[in-house]
Amino acid sequence: MNADMTYKKIYWTDHVKLKMRQYGLSKGKLLNLLAKPERKEQGIAPQTVAVMTANKSYSKVKKPSGEIWLMYADTDNLRKIISAWRYPGISKPGEPIPIPESILKELENINGEYE
């Protein structure tokens, strides 16, 4: 386990549970992304972090390339998983996080759930 995740209780917001169903993402896949991200950026919301991994295919059927993103916020003993999404393209490090407009609007409507 990554030292960054040690002793942190994971809290899954209702928003991320909805997005997990929408994008076909499992808790296991997202926990693995938290433990071993390919890239880490500042999140779009204050005091949040966004992590990314490339969408990998282990079958013979070619899946479209893209990225899986997860945004979270940390407190002393709690890690709140705020949102997760699939990005169909390949983003460049250091550029703004490619978050779908629908997720941005939904996050704006959540009154302090991630703070």
C-alpha atoms as a PDB file:
ATOM      1  CA  MET A   1       0.000   0.000   0.000  1.00  0.00           C
ATOM      2  CA  ASN A   2       1.171   3.457  -0.849  1.00  0.00           C
ATOM      3  CA  ALA A   3       2.403   5.461   2.178  1.00  0.00           C
ATOM      4  CA  ASP A   4       0.106   8.288   1.048  1.00  0.00           C
ATOM      5  CA  MET A   5      -2.911   6.042   1.779  1.00  0.00           C
ATOM      6  CA  THR A   6      -1.749   4.669   5.138  1.00  0.00           C
ATOM      7  CA  TYR A   7      -4.259   5.063   7.983  1.00  0.00           C
ATOM      8  CA  LYS A   8      -6.773   6.970   5.884  1.00  0.00           C
ATOM      9  CA  LYS A   9     -10.382   5.862   6.017  1.00  0.00           C
ATOM     10  CA  ILE A  10     -11.996   6.038   2.572  1.00  0.00           C
ATOM     11  CA  TYR A  11     -15.333   7.841   2.231  1.00  0.00           C
ATOM     12  CA  TRP A  12     -17.214   7.471  -1.072  1.00  0.00           C
ATOM     13  CA  THR A  13     -19.548  10.387  -1.866  1.00  0.00           C
ATOM     14  CA  ASP A  14     -22.923   9.712  -3.482  1.00  0.00           C
ATOM     15  CA  HIS A  15     -21.638  11.595  -6.526  1.00  0.00           C
ATOM     16  CA  VAL A  16     -18.742   9.208  -7.106  1.00  0.00           C
ATOM     17  CA  LYS A  17     -20.996   6.172  -6.577  1.00  0.00           C
ATOM     18  CA  LEU A  18     -23.235   7.469  -9.368  1.00  0.00           C
ATOM     19  CA  LYS A  19     -20.241   8.107 -11.644  1.00  0.00           C
ATOM     20  CA  MET A  20     -18.846   4.634 -10.944  1.00  0.00           C
ATOM     21  CA  ARG A  21     -22.079   3.127 -12.277  1.00  0.00           C
ATOM     22  CA  GLN A  22     -22.193   5.556 -15.209  1.00  0.00           C
ATOM     23  CA  TYR A  23     -18.613   4.872 -16.346  1.00  0.00           C
ATOM     24  CA  GLY A  24     -18.410   1.192 -15.326  1.00  0.00           C
ATOM     25  CA  LEU A  25     -15.693   1.753 -12.706  1.00  0.00           C
ATOM     26  CA  SER A  26     -15.262  -0.587  -9.735  1.00  0.00           C
ATOM     27  CA  LYS A  27     -14.062   0.277  -6.234  1.00  0.00           C
ATOM     28  CA  GLY A  28     -11.110  -2.038  -6.780  1.00  0.00           C
ATOM     29  CA  LYS A  29     -10.052  -0.226  -9.952  1.00  0.00           C
ATOM     30  CA  LEU A  30     -10.325   3.164  -8.249  1.00  0.00           C
ATOM     31  CA  LEU A  31      -8.477   2.006  -5.120  1.00  0.00           C
ATOM     32  CA  ASN A  32      -5.701   0.688  -7.357  1.00  0.00           C
ATOM     33  CA  LEU A  33      -5.614   4.080  -9.107  1.00  0.00           C
ATOM     34  CA  LEU A  34      -5.260   5.778  -5.709  1.00  0.00           C
ATOM     35  CA  ALA A  35      -2.399   3.474  -4.754  1.00  0.00           C
ATOM     36  CA  LYS A  36      -0.529   3.640  -8.076  1.00  0.00           C
ATOM     37  CA  PRO A  37      -1.459   6.696 -10.142  1.00  0.00           C
ATOM     38  CA  GLU A  38       0.415   7.381 -13.358  1.00  0.00           C
ATOM     39  CA  ARG A  39      -0.042  11.105 -12.819  1.00  0.00           C
ATOM     40  CA  LYS A  40      -1.116  13.412 -10.004  1.00  0.00           C
ATOM     41  CA  GLU A  41      -2.471  16.932 -10.544  1.00  0.00           C
ATOM     42  CA  GLN A  42      -4.181  19.619  -8.483  1.00  0.00           C
ATOM     43  CA  GLY A  43      -7.945  19.049  -8.533  1.00  0.00           C
ATOM     44  CA  ILE A  44     -10.433  21.571  -9.875  1.00  0.00           C
ATOM     45  CA  ALA A  45     -12.072  22.091  -6.485  1.00  0.00           C
ATOM     46  CA  PRO A  46     -10.135  23.798  -3.653  1.00  0.00           C
ATOM     47  CA  GLN A  47      -7.835  21.478  -1.698  1.00  0.00           C
ATOM     48  CA  THR A  48      -8.433  18.470  -3.935  1.00  0.00           C
ATOM     49  CA  VAL A  49      -6.123  16.168  -5.846  1.00  0.00           C
ATOM     50  CA  ALA A  50      -6.794  14.424  -9.158  1.00  0.00           C
ATOM     51  CA  VAL A  51      -5.020  11.226 -10.153  1.00  0.00           C
ATOM     52  CA  MET A  52      -4.997   9.490 -13.519  1.00  0.00           C
ATOM     53  CA  THR A  53      -4.143   6.193 -15.137  1.00  0.00           C
ATOM     54  CA  ALA A  54      -4.278   5.183 -18.782  1.00  0.00           C
ATOM     55  CA  ASN A  55      -7.181   2.933 -19.773  1.00  0.00           C
ATOM     56  CA  LYS A  56      -5.501  -0.435 -20.305  1.00  0.00           C
ATOM     57  CA  SER A  57      -6.940  -3.402 -22.169  1.00  0.00           C
ATOM     58  CA  TYR A  58      -5.823  -6.936 -21.324  1.00  0.00           C
ATOM     59  CA  SER A  59      -8.065  -8.693 -23.833  1.00  0.00           C
ATOM     60  CA  LYS A  60      -7.480  -9.354 -27.519  1.00  0.00           C
ATOM     61  CA  VAL A  61     -10.337  -7.013 -28.372  1.00  0.00           C
ATOM     62  CA  LYS A  62      -8.963  -3.497 -28.889  1.00  0.00           C
ATOM     63  CA  LYS A  63     -10.564  -1.000 -26.507  1.00  0.00           C
ATOM     64  CA  PRO A  64     -10.460   2.709 -27.236  1.00  0.00           C
ATOM     65  CA  SER A  65      -7.578   4.494 -25.574  1.00  0.00           C
ATOM     66  CA  GLY A  66      -8.228   7.055 -22.907  1.00  0.00           C
ATOM     67  CA  GLU A  67      -7.718   7.836 -19.247  1.00  0.00           C
ATOM     68  CA  ILE A  68      -9.463   7.171 -15.964  1.00  0.00           C
ATOM     69  CA  TRP A  69      -9.470  10.097 -13.519  1.00  0.00           C
ATOM     70  CA  LEU A  70     -10.327  10.270  -9.828  1.00  0.00           C
ATOM     71  CA  MET A  71     -10.613  13.381  -7.639  1.00  0.00           C
ATOM     72  CA  TYR A  72     -10.301  13.282  -3.845  1.00  0.00           C
ATOM     73  CA  ALA A  73      -9.773  15.490  -0.799  1.00  0.00           C
ATOM     74  CA  ASP A  74      -7.822  14.593   2.340  1.00  0.00           C
ATOM     75  CA  THR A  75      -8.390  15.518   5.959  1.00  0.00           C
ATOM     76  CA  ASP A  76      -6.374  14.223   8.910  1.00  0.00           C
ATOM     77  CA  ASN A  77      -7.727  10.657   8.945  1.00  0.00           C
ATOM     78  CA  LEU A  78     -10.180  10.656   6.050  1.00  0.00           C
ATOM     79  CA  ARG A  79      -9.866  10.532   2.280  1.00  0.00           C
ATOM     80  CA  LYS A  80     -13.076  11.628   0.520  1.00  0.00           C
ATOM     81  CA  ILE A  81     -13.432  10.274  -2.985  1.00  0.00           C
ATOM     82  CA  ILE A  82     -15.349  13.036  -4.747  1.00  0.00           C
ATOM     83  CA  SER A  83     -15.626  12.041  -8.395  1.00  0.00           C
ATOM     84  CA  ALA A  84     -14.342   9.666 -11.060  1.00  0.00           C
ATOM     85  CA  TRP A  85     -14.650   9.709 -14.828  1.00  0.00           C
ATOM     86  CA  ARG A  86     -13.316   8.351 -18.086  1.00  0.00           C
ATOM     87  CA  TYR A  87     -11.660  10.788 -20.480  1.00  0.00           C
ATOM     88  CA  PRO A  88     -11.671   9.512 -24.075  1.00  0.00           C
ATOM     89  CA  GLY A  89      -8.445  11.254 -25.117  1.00  0.00           C
ATOM     90  CA  ILE A  90      -4.912  11.615 -23.822  1.00  0.00           C
ATOM     91  CA  SER A  91      -4.280  14.703 -21.686  1.00  0.00           C
ATOM     92  CA  LYS A  92      -0.976  16.506 -21.325  1.00  0.00           C
ATOM     93  CA  PRO A  93       0.730  16.816 -17.920  1.00  0.00           C
ATOM     94  CA  GLY A  94       0.407  20.244 -16.328  1.00  0.00           C
ATOM     95  CA  GLU A  95      -2.578  21.306 -18.425  1.00  0.00           C
ATOM     96  CA  PRO A  96      -6.067  21.719 -16.922  1.00  0.00           C
ATOM     97  CA  ILE A  97      -7.683  18.446 -15.949  1.00  0.00           C
ATOM     98  CA  PRO A  98     -10.025  17.197 -18.680  1.00  0.00           C
ATOM     99  CA  ILE A  99     -13.219  16.949 -16.644  1.00  0.00           C
ATOM    100  CA  PRO A 100     -16.564  16.614 -18.453  1.00  0.00           C
ATOM    101  CA  GLU A 101     -18.822  19.680 -18.270  1.00  0.00           C
ATOM    102  CA  SER A 102     -21.635  17.593 -16.756  1.00  0.00           C
ATOM    103  CA  ILE A 103     -19.439  16.596 -13.808  1.00  0.00           C
ATOM    104  CA  LEU A 104     -18.329  20.203 -13.297  1.00  0.00           C
ATOM    105  CA  LYS A 105     -21.960  21.317 -13.067  1.00  0.00           C
ATOM    106  CA  GLU A 106     -22.854  18.489 -10.687  1.00  0.00           C
ATOM    107  CA  LEU A 107     -19.903  19.316  -8.435  1.00  0.00           C
ATOM    108  CA  GLU A 108     -20.952  22.978  -8.327  1.00  0.00           C
ATOM    109  CA  ASN A 109     -24.369  21.857  -7.028  1.00  0.00           C
ATOM    110  CA  ILE A 110     -22.883  19.784  -4.191  1.00  0.00           C
ATOM    111  CA  ASN A 111     -22.873  22.168  -1.234  1.00  0.00           C
ATOM    112  CA  GLY A 112     -19.651  21.445   0.619  1.00  0.00           C
ATOM    113  CA  GLU A 113     -19.898  17.646   0.455  1.00  0.00           C
ATOM    114  CA  TYR A 114     -16.213  17.387  -0.432  1.00  0.00           C
ATOM    115  CA  GLU A 115     -14.944  20.079   1.918  1.00  0.00           C
END
